[in-house]
Amino acid sequence: MHTIYLLLGTNLGEKAVNLSRATQLIEKEVGQVLASSSIYETMPWGIEDQPIFFNQVLQVSSSLEVNQLLKTTQSIEQTLGRKKYRHWGERLIDIDILYVDDLVYQSEALSVPHPQIPNRRFTLIPLVEIAPDFMHPLLALTQAALLAQCPDKLEVKPIR
């Protein structure tokens, strides 16, 4: 079994409902959700002229290998109505694969660990909530240490 960290994000529609539905499908199709962070309201990153996001990190136990994990999370996004908008733009649901154990994996479609983790407070704050001591396999730093040196200053606040 693999320990996987997923980042969920949404800024369209009923955001809390979108996260809940995504979590239910992840539990059904990916594996057991071991931990979930609070939901955070986050300012848009990359493109600022769009609605505020809700983000959440899940820790999941799964038997899926990385390529099947990507296909499954993309299928869940499609099931929930995700359309391809602009890069870093608005979305009904987004499921990012952050970590798969301590795997380092690179393909045209996927990089694990997610390359933007050190640069995004909206990823690191919920990660630190549920896995502060998890070690980044390339940088050899904990999530808490990554957050302490993160250059991103955008507001990230818990909503529940």
N, C-alpha and C. Protein backbone atom coordinates (compact mmCIF):
# COMPACT_ATOMS: atom_id res chain seq x y z
N MET A 1 0.83 -1.19 0.00
CA MET A 1 0.00 0.00 0.00
C MET A 1 0.88 1.25 0.00
N HIS A 2 0.38 2.25 -0.67
CA HIS A 2 1.09 3.53 -0.77
C HIS A 2 0.39 4.57 0.09
N THR A 3 1.18 5.48 0.65
CA THR A 3 0.62 6.65 1.32
C THR A 3 0.74 7.81 0.35
N ILE A 4 -0.41 8.37 0.03
CA ILE A 4 -0.52 9.40 -1.01
C ILE A 4 -1.05 10.67 -0.37
N TYR A 5 -0.52 11.80 -0.80
CA TYR A 5 -1.05 13.10 -0.39
C TYR A 5 -1.62 13.78 -1.64
N LEU A 6 -2.89 14.16 -1.55
CA LEU A 6 -3.59 14.82 -2.64
C LEU A 6 -4.03 16.20 -2.19
N LEU A 7 -3.93 17.17 -3.10
CA LEU A 7 -4.45 18.51 -2.86
C LEU A 7 -5.71 18.67 -3.68
N LEU A 8 -6.81 19.02 -3.01
CA LEU A 8 -8.06 19.31 -3.70
C LEU A 8 -8.23 20.82 -3.76
N GLY A 9 -8.72 21.31 -4.89
CA GLY A 9 -8.98 22.73 -5.03
C GLY A 9 -10.21 22.98 -5.86
N THR A 10 -10.94 24.05 -5.52
CA THR A 10 -12.14 24.43 -6.25
C THR A 10 -12.40 25.92 -6.04
N ASN A 11 -12.86 26.59 -7.10
CA ASN A 11 -13.29 27.98 -6.92
C ASN A 11 -14.53 28.31 -7.74
N LEU A 12 -15.27 27.29 -8.15
CA LEU A 12 -16.53 27.48 -8.87
C LEU A 12 -17.62 26.67 -8.20
N GLY A 13 -18.85 27.13 -8.32
CA GLY A 13 -19.99 26.38 -7.80
C GLY A 13 -20.01 26.36 -6.29
N GLU A 14 -20.62 25.32 -5.74
CA GLU A 14 -20.69 25.14 -4.29
C GLU A 14 -19.39 24.46 -3.84
N LYS A 15 -18.44 25.27 -3.43
CA LYS A 15 -17.08 24.80 -3.22
C LYS A 15 -16.97 23.72 -2.14
N ALA A 16 -17.63 23.89 -1.02
CA ALA A 16 -17.55 22.87 0.04
C ALA A 16 -18.16 21.56 -0.44
N VAL A 17 -19.23 21.63 -1.21
CA VAL A 17 -19.86 20.43 -1.77
C VAL A 17 -18.91 19.76 -2.76
N ASN A 18 -18.24 20.55 -3.58
CA ASN A 18 -17.28 19.99 -4.55
C ASN A 18 -16.19 19.19 -3.84
N LEU A 19 -15.66 19.74 -2.75
CA LEU A 19 -14.61 19.04 -2.00
C LEU A 19 -15.16 17.75 -1.37
N SER A 20 -16.35 17.82 -0.84
CA SER A 20 -16.97 16.64 -0.22
C SER A 20 -17.21 15.54 -1.25
N ARG A 21 -17.74 15.90 -2.40
CA ARG A 21 -17.99 14.91 -3.45
C ARG A 21 -16.68 14.30 -3.94
N ALA A 22 -15.65 15.13 -4.10
CA ALA A 22 -14.35 14.61 -4.53
C ALA A 22 -13.79 13.64 -3.50
N THR A 23 -13.90 13.98 -2.23
CA THR A 23 -13.41 13.09 -1.16
C THR A 23 -14.14 11.76 -1.18
N GLN A 24 -15.45 11.80 -1.38
CA GLN A 24 -16.23 10.56 -1.44
C GLN A 24 -15.77 9.67 -2.60
N LEU A 25 -15.54 10.28 -3.77
CA LEU A 25 -15.10 9.49 -4.93
C LEU A 25 -13.67 8.99 -4.75
N ILE A 26 -12.82 9.77 -4.12
CA ILE A 26 -11.46 9.32 -3.83
C ILE A 26 -11.51 8.11 -2.91
N GLU A 27 -12.35 8.17 -1.89
CA GLU A 27 -12.50 7.04 -0.96
C GLU A 27 -12.99 5.80 -1.70
N LYS A 28 -13.84 5.98 -2.67
CA LYS A 28 -14.41 4.86 -3.42
C LYS A 28 -13.43 4.30 -4.46
N GLU A 29 -12.70 5.18 -5.15
CA GLU A 29 -11.93 4.76 -6.32
C GLU A 29 -10.41 4.73 -6.12
N VAL A 30 -9.91 5.46 -5.14
CA VAL A 30 -8.46 5.53 -4.92
C VAL A 30 -8.05 4.72 -3.70
N GLY A 31 -8.69 4.96 -2.57
CA GLY A 31 -8.35 4.24 -1.35
C GLY A 31 -8.87 4.93 -0.12
N GLN A 32 -8.53 4.37 1.02
CA GLN A 32 -9.02 4.88 2.29
C GLN A 32 -8.39 6.22 2.63
N VAL A 33 -9.24 7.19 2.95
CA VAL A 33 -8.76 8.49 3.40
C VAL A 33 -8.36 8.35 4.87
N LEU A 34 -7.07 8.50 5.13
CA LEU A 34 -6.53 8.35 6.48
C LEU A 34 -6.61 9.65 7.28
N ALA A 35 -6.48 10.77 6.60
CA ALA A 35 -6.54 12.08 7.26
C ALA A 35 -6.96 13.12 6.25
N SER A 36 -7.64 14.13 6.74
CA SER A 36 -7.99 15.27 5.87
C SER A 36 -7.75 16.55 6.65
N SER A 37 -7.18 17.51 5.98
CA SER A 37 -6.92 18.80 6.61
C SER A 37 -8.24 19.56 6.74
N SER A 38 -8.16 20.67 7.42
CA SER A 38 -9.26 21.63 7.39
C SER A 38 -9.42 22.10 5.95
N ILE A 39 -10.54 22.73 5.68
CA ILE A 39 -10.72 23.40 4.39
C ILE A 39 -10.21 24.82 4.56
N TYR A 40 -9.44 25.27 3.60
CA TYR A 40 -8.85 26.60 3.65
C TYR A 40 -9.38 27.45 2.51
N GLU A 41 -9.67 28.71 2.84
CA GLU A 41 -10.01 29.70 1.82
C GLU A 41 -8.70 30.35 1.40
N THR A 42 -8.44 30.32 0.10
CA THR A 42 -7.14 30.79 -0.37
C THR A 42 -7.30 31.75 -1.54
N MET A 43 -6.44 32.72 -1.57
CA MET A 43 -6.44 33.66 -2.67
C MET A 43 -5.89 32.96 -3.92
N PRO A 44 -6.38 33.35 -5.10
CA PRO A 44 -5.88 32.73 -6.33
C PRO A 44 -4.37 32.93 -6.48
N TRP A 45 -3.72 31.90 -6.99
CA TRP A 45 -2.27 31.89 -7.18
C TRP A 45 -2.01 31.79 -8.68
N GLY A 46 -1.15 32.64 -9.20
CA GLY A 46 -0.82 32.58 -10.62
C GLY A 46 -1.65 33.54 -11.44
N ILE A 47 -2.96 33.42 -11.37
CA ILE A 47 -3.89 34.33 -12.05
C ILE A 47 -4.84 34.85 -10.97
N GLU A 48 -4.77 36.15 -10.69
CA GLU A 48 -5.49 36.69 -9.54
C GLU A 48 -6.91 37.12 -9.82
N ASP A 49 -7.29 37.35 -11.09
CA ASP A 49 -8.64 37.84 -11.41
C ASP A 49 -9.63 36.69 -11.56
N GLN A 50 -9.88 35.99 -10.46
CA GLN A 50 -10.80 34.86 -10.45
C GLN A 50 -11.30 34.68 -9.02
N PRO A 51 -12.35 33.86 -8.84
CA PRO A 51 -12.90 33.67 -7.49
C PRO A 51 -11.89 33.03 -6.53
N ILE A 52 -12.11 33.27 -5.24
CA ILE A 52 -11.31 32.68 -4.17
C ILE A 52 -11.48 31.17 -4.19
N PHE A 53 -10.42 30.46 -3.84
CA PHE A 53 -10.41 29.00 -3.82
C PHE A 53 -10.72 28.45 -2.44
N PHE A 54 -11.22 27.23 -2.41
CA PHE A 54 -11.21 26.38 -1.23
C PHE A 54 -10.20 25.28 -1.54
N ASN A 55 -9.30 24.99 -0.60
CA ASN A 55 -8.31 23.92 -0.76
C ASN A 55 -8.31 23.02 0.47
N GLN A 56 -7.94 21.76 0.24
CA GLN A 56 -7.86 20.77 1.30
C GLN A 56 -6.86 19.70 0.87
N VAL A 57 -6.11 19.16 1.83
CA VAL A 57 -5.19 18.06 1.57
C VAL A 57 -5.73 16.79 2.22
N LEU A 58 -5.64 15.69 1.47
CA LEU A 58 -6.02 14.37 1.96
C LEU A 58 -4.80 13.47 2.00
N GLN A 59 -4.72 12.66 3.04
CA GLN A 59 -3.74 11.57 3.10
C GLN A 59 -4.53 10.29 2.83
N VAL A 60 -4.11 9.53 1.82
CA VAL A 60 -4.87 8.37 1.35
C VAL A 60 -3.96 7.15 1.30
N SER A 61 -4.49 6.01 1.72
CA SER A 61 -3.80 4.73 1.57
C SER A 61 -4.36 4.05 0.34
N SER A 62 -3.48 3.71 -0.62
CA SER A 62 -3.95 3.18 -1.90
C SER A 62 -3.00 2.13 -2.44
N SER A 63 -3.57 1.19 -3.17
CA SER A 63 -2.75 0.19 -3.87
C SER A 63 -2.44 0.62 -5.30
N LEU A 64 -3.00 1.75 -5.74
CA LEU A 64 -2.79 2.20 -7.12
C LEU A 64 -1.34 2.63 -7.35
N GLU A 65 -0.80 2.23 -8.48
CA GLU A 65 0.51 2.72 -8.90
C GLU A 65 0.32 4.11 -9.50
N VAL A 66 1.41 4.85 -9.65
CA VAL A 66 1.34 6.27 -9.96
C VAL A 66 0.58 6.57 -11.26
N ASN A 67 0.80 5.81 -12.33
CA ASN A 67 0.09 6.10 -13.58
C ASN A 67 -1.41 5.84 -13.46
N GLN A 68 -1.78 4.77 -12.75
CA GLN A 68 -3.20 4.49 -12.53
C GLN A 68 -3.81 5.52 -11.59
N LEU A 69 -3.04 5.98 -10.63
CA LEU A 69 -3.51 7.03 -9.73
C LEU A 69 -3.84 8.30 -10.51
N LEU A 70 -2.97 8.69 -11.44
CA LEU A 70 -3.23 9.87 -12.26
C LEU A 70 -4.49 9.68 -13.08
N LYS A 71 -4.63 8.55 -13.75
CA LYS A 71 -5.84 8.29 -14.55
C LYS A 71 -7.09 8.35 -13.69
N THR A 72 -7.02 7.78 -12.50
CA THR A 72 -8.18 7.73 -11.62
C THR A 72 -8.55 9.12 -11.12
N THR A 73 -7.57 9.92 -10.71
CA THR A 73 -7.90 11.26 -10.23
C THR A 73 -8.43 12.13 -11.37
N GLN A 74 -7.89 11.97 -12.57
CA GLN A 74 -8.42 12.72 -13.72
C GLN A 74 -9.85 12.29 -14.04
N SER A 75 -10.13 11.00 -13.92
CA SER A 75 -11.48 10.50 -14.13
C SER A 75 -12.45 11.08 -13.10
N ILE A 76 -12.02 11.17 -11.86
CA ILE A 76 -12.86 11.78 -10.82
C ILE A 76 -13.14 13.24 -11.15
N GLU A 77 -12.12 13.96 -11.59
CA GLU A 77 -12.33 15.36 -12.00
C GLU A 77 -13.38 15.45 -13.09
N GLN A 78 -13.28 14.58 -14.08
CA GLN A 78 -14.26 14.58 -15.19
C GLN A 78 -15.66 14.24 -14.69
N THR A 79 -15.76 13.23 -13.82
CA THR A 79 -17.05 12.83 -13.27
C THR A 79 -17.72 14.00 -12.55
N LEU A 80 -16.93 14.80 -11.87
CA LEU A 80 -17.45 15.94 -11.11
C LEU A 80 -17.68 17.17 -11.98
N GLY A 81 -17.38 17.07 -13.27
CA GLY A 81 -17.71 18.15 -14.19
C GLY A 81 -16.59 19.11 -14.51
N ARG A 82 -15.35 18.72 -14.25
CA ARG A 82 -14.25 19.62 -14.56
C ARG A 82 -14.13 19.82 -16.06
N LYS A 83 -13.99 21.07 -16.43
CA LYS A 83 -13.69 21.45 -17.80
C LYS A 83 -12.29 22.05 -17.81
N LYS A 84 -11.62 21.95 -18.93
CA LYS A 84 -10.28 22.54 -19.04
C LYS A 84 -10.43 24.02 -19.31
N TYR A 85 -10.02 24.82 -18.35
CA TYR A 85 -10.01 26.26 -18.50
C TYR A 85 -8.58 26.70 -18.75
N ARG A 86 -8.23 27.87 -18.33
CA ARG A 86 -6.86 28.34 -18.51
C ARG A 86 -5.96 27.79 -17.40
N HIS A 87 -4.68 27.70 -17.72
CA HIS A 87 -3.69 27.23 -16.74
C HIS A 87 -3.74 28.12 -15.51
N TRP A 88 -3.79 27.51 -14.32
CA TRP A 88 -3.91 28.19 -13.04
C TRP A 88 -5.21 28.96 -12.91
N GLY A 89 -6.16 28.67 -13.79
CA GLY A 89 -7.42 29.40 -13.78
C GLY A 89 -8.48 28.74 -12.94
N GLU A 90 -9.71 29.24 -13.11
CA GLU A 90 -10.84 28.76 -12.34
C GLU A 90 -11.15 27.30 -12.66
N ARG A 91 -11.70 26.61 -11.66
CA ARG A 91 -12.00 25.19 -11.86
C ARG A 91 -13.05 24.73 -10.85
N LEU A 92 -13.88 23.82 -11.31
CA LEU A 92 -14.88 23.21 -10.45
C LEU A 92 -14.21 22.28 -9.45
N ILE A 93 -13.23 21.52 -9.91
CA ILE A 93 -12.44 20.66 -9.02
C ILE A 93 -11.08 20.41 -9.65
N ASP A 94 -10.08 20.36 -8.81
CA ASP A 94 -8.73 20.03 -9.24
C ASP A 94 -8.16 19.08 -8.19
N ILE A 95 -7.57 18.00 -8.63
CA ILE A 95 -6.94 17.04 -7.72
C ILE A 95 -5.48 16.92 -8.13
N ASP A 96 -4.60 17.45 -7.30
CA ASP A 96 -3.16 17.37 -7.57
C ASP A 96 -2.55 16.26 -6.73
N ILE A 97 -1.71 15.46 -7.36
CA ILE A 97 -0.94 14.44 -6.65
C ILE A 97 0.32 15.13 -6.12
N LEU A 98 0.42 15.23 -4.81
CA LEU A 98 1.56 15.90 -4.19
C LEU A 98 2.71 14.94 -3.95
N TYR A 99 2.41 13.86 -3.24
CA TYR A 99 3.42 12.85 -2.89
C TYR A 99 2.81 11.46 -3.01
N VAL A 100 3.65 10.50 -3.37
CA VAL A 100 3.32 9.07 -3.31
C VAL A 100 4.49 8.43 -2.56
N ASP A 101 4.27 8.13 -1.29
CA ASP A 101 5.37 7.66 -0.43
C ASP A 101 6.54 8.63 -0.57
N ASP A 102 7.75 8.10 -0.76
CA ASP A 102 8.91 8.96 -1.01
C ASP A 102 9.36 8.84 -2.46
N LEU A 103 8.41 8.49 -3.32
CA LEU A 103 8.68 8.29 -4.74
C LEU A 103 9.11 9.60 -5.41
N VAL A 104 10.10 9.48 -6.29
CA VAL A 104 10.47 10.55 -7.20
C VAL A 104 10.17 10.02 -8.59
N TYR A 105 9.26 10.67 -9.29
CA TYR A 105 8.77 10.17 -10.57
C TYR A 105 8.60 11.34 -11.52
N GLN A 106 9.01 11.14 -12.77
CA GLN A 106 8.90 12.19 -13.78
C GLN A 106 8.44 11.58 -15.09
N SER A 107 7.37 12.13 -15.64
CA SER A 107 6.92 11.76 -16.99
C SER A 107 6.39 13.03 -17.64
N GLU A 108 5.97 12.91 -18.88
CA GLU A 108 5.41 14.07 -19.57
C GLU A 108 4.13 14.54 -18.89
N ALA A 109 3.38 13.61 -18.31
CA ALA A 109 2.07 13.93 -17.73
C ALA A 109 2.11 14.25 -16.23
N LEU A 110 3.17 13.84 -15.54
CA LEU A 110 3.14 13.94 -14.08
C LEU A 110 4.55 14.02 -13.49
N SER A 111 4.68 14.88 -12.48
CA SER A 111 5.91 14.94 -11.67
C SER A 111 5.53 14.71 -10.22
N VAL A 112 6.22 13.77 -9.57
CA VAL A 112 6.02 13.49 -8.15
C VAL A 112 7.40 13.51 -7.50
N PRO A 113 7.58 14.29 -6.43
CA PRO A 113 6.61 15.17 -5.81
C PRO A 113 6.22 16.33 -6.73
N HIS A 114 5.04 16.89 -6.45
CA HIS A 114 4.57 18.02 -7.25
C HIS A 114 5.62 19.14 -7.17
N PRO A 115 6.07 19.66 -8.31
CA PRO A 115 7.19 20.61 -8.29
C PRO A 115 6.89 21.95 -7.62
N GLN A 116 5.63 22.32 -7.47
CA GLN A 116 5.30 23.63 -6.89
C GLN A 116 5.08 23.60 -5.38
N ILE A 117 5.18 22.44 -4.76
CA ILE A 117 4.92 22.36 -3.31
C ILE A 117 5.70 23.43 -2.52
N PRO A 118 7.00 23.60 -2.72
CA PRO A 118 7.74 24.56 -1.89
C PRO A 118 7.32 26.01 -2.08
N ASN A 119 6.59 26.29 -3.17
CA ASN A 119 6.25 27.67 -3.52
C ASN A 119 4.83 28.08 -3.19
N ARG A 120 4.04 27.19 -2.60
CA ARG A 120 2.61 27.46 -2.43
C ARG A 120 2.15 27.26 -0.99
N ARG A 121 1.78 28.35 -0.34
CA ARG A 121 1.24 28.26 1.02
C ARG A 121 -0.08 27.50 1.04
N PHE A 122 -0.89 27.64 -0.02
CA PHE A 122 -2.19 26.95 -0.04
C PHE A 122 -2.03 25.44 -0.10
N THR A 123 -0.86 24.97 -0.45
CA THR A 123 -0.54 23.54 -0.40
C THR A 123 0.13 23.20 0.93
N LEU A 124 1.10 23.99 1.33
CA LEU A 124 1.89 23.67 2.52
C LEU A 124 1.12 23.80 3.83
N ILE A 125 0.27 24.79 3.96
CA ILE A 125 -0.45 24.96 5.22
C ILE A 125 -1.34 23.75 5.53
N PRO A 126 -2.17 23.27 4.59
CA PRO A 126 -2.93 22.05 4.91
C PRO A 126 -2.05 20.81 5.04
N LEU A 127 -0.95 20.74 4.30
CA LEU A 127 -0.02 19.62 4.46
C LEU A 127 0.59 19.61 5.86
N VAL A 128 1.00 20.77 6.33
CA VAL A 128 1.60 20.86 7.66
C VAL A 128 0.58 20.48 8.73
N GLU A 129 -0.68 20.79 8.50
CA GLU A 129 -1.72 20.43 9.47
C GLU A 129 -1.78 18.92 9.70
N ILE A 130 -1.65 18.13 8.63
CA ILE A 130 -1.81 16.67 8.78
C ILE A 130 -0.50 15.88 8.71
N ALA A 131 0.57 16.49 8.19
CA ALA A 131 1.84 15.75 8.05
C ALA A 131 3.04 16.69 8.16
N PRO A 132 3.19 17.38 9.29
CA PRO A 132 4.26 18.38 9.40
C PRO A 132 5.66 17.81 9.25
N ASP A 133 5.85 16.55 9.63
CA ASP A 133 7.18 15.95 9.62
C ASP A 133 7.46 15.10 8.39
N PHE A 134 6.50 15.05 7.46
CA PHE A 134 6.73 14.27 6.24
C PHE A 134 7.86 14.93 5.46
N MET A 135 8.83 14.14 5.04
CA MET A 135 10.04 14.64 4.41
C MET A 135 9.90 14.69 2.89
N HIS A 136 10.20 15.85 2.32
CA HIS A 136 10.23 15.99 0.86
C HIS A 136 11.39 15.13 0.35
N PRO A 137 11.13 14.18 -0.56
CA PRO A 137 12.18 13.24 -0.96
C PRO A 137 13.34 13.84 -1.75
N LEU A 138 13.14 14.97 -2.36
CA LEU A 138 14.24 15.61 -3.10
C LEU A 138 14.95 16.68 -2.30
N LEU A 139 14.20 17.44 -1.53
CA LEU A 139 14.76 18.58 -0.80
C LEU A 139 15.23 18.22 0.60
N ALA A 140 14.85 17.04 1.09
CA ALA A 140 15.21 16.57 2.43
C ALA A 140 14.82 17.57 3.51
N LEU A 141 13.64 18.16 3.34
CA LEU A 141 13.08 19.08 4.32
C LEU A 141 11.67 18.63 4.67
N THR A 142 11.28 18.85 5.92
CA THR A 142 9.91 18.53 6.30
C THR A 142 8.95 19.56 5.69
N GLN A 143 7.68 19.23 5.73
CA GLN A 143 6.68 20.18 5.24
C GLN A 143 6.70 21.46 6.08
N ALA A 144 6.89 21.31 7.39
CA ALA A 144 6.97 22.48 8.26
C ALA A 144 8.15 23.37 7.89
N ALA A 145 9.29 22.77 7.58
CA ALA A 145 10.46 23.55 7.17
C ALA A 145 10.23 24.22 5.82
N LEU A 146 9.57 23.52 4.91
CA LEU A 146 9.25 24.12 3.61
C LEU A 146 8.34 25.33 3.79
N LEU A 147 7.34 25.21 4.66
CA LEU A 147 6.44 26.33 4.91
C LEU A 147 7.19 27.51 5.50
N ALA A 148 8.10 27.25 6.40
CA ALA A 148 8.86 28.33 7.05
C ALA A 148 9.67 29.15 6.05
N GLN A 149 10.08 28.53 4.95
CA GLN A 149 10.88 29.26 3.95
C GLN A 149 10.11 29.52 2.66
N CYS A 150 8.81 29.30 2.65
CA CYS A 150 8.01 29.50 1.44
C CYS A 150 7.95 30.98 1.06
N PRO A 151 8.24 31.30 -0.21
CA PRO A 151 8.22 32.69 -0.63
C PRO A 151 6.81 33.27 -0.84
N ASP A 152 5.82 32.42 -0.96
CA ASP A 152 4.43 32.83 -1.20
C ASP A 152 3.88 33.54 0.04
N LYS A 153 3.25 34.67 -0.16
CA LYS A 153 2.68 35.44 0.96
C LYS A 153 1.16 35.59 0.85
N LEU A 154 0.53 34.89 -0.10
CA LEU A 154 -0.92 35.01 -0.25
C LEU A 154 -1.65 34.46 0.97
N GLU A 155 -2.79 35.08 1.28
CA GLU A 155 -3.56 34.70 2.46
C GLU A 155 -4.16 33.30 2.31
N VAL A 156 -4.04 32.52 3.36
CA VAL A 156 -4.62 31.18 3.45
C VAL A 156 -5.24 31.09 4.84
N LYS A 157 -6.59 30.96 4.90
CA LYS A 157 -7.22 30.92 6.23
C LYS A 157 -8.20 29.76 6.32
N PRO A 158 -8.21 29.07 7.47
CA PRO A 158 -9.12 27.94 7.64
C PRO A 158 -10.56 28.42 7.72
N ILE A 159 -11.47 27.64 7.11
CA ILE A 159 -12.88 27.99 7.23
C ILE A 159 -13.61 27.01 8.13
N ARG A 160 -13.04 25.82 8.32
CA ARG A 160 -13.60 24.84 9.28
C ARG A 160 -12.65 23.70 9.42
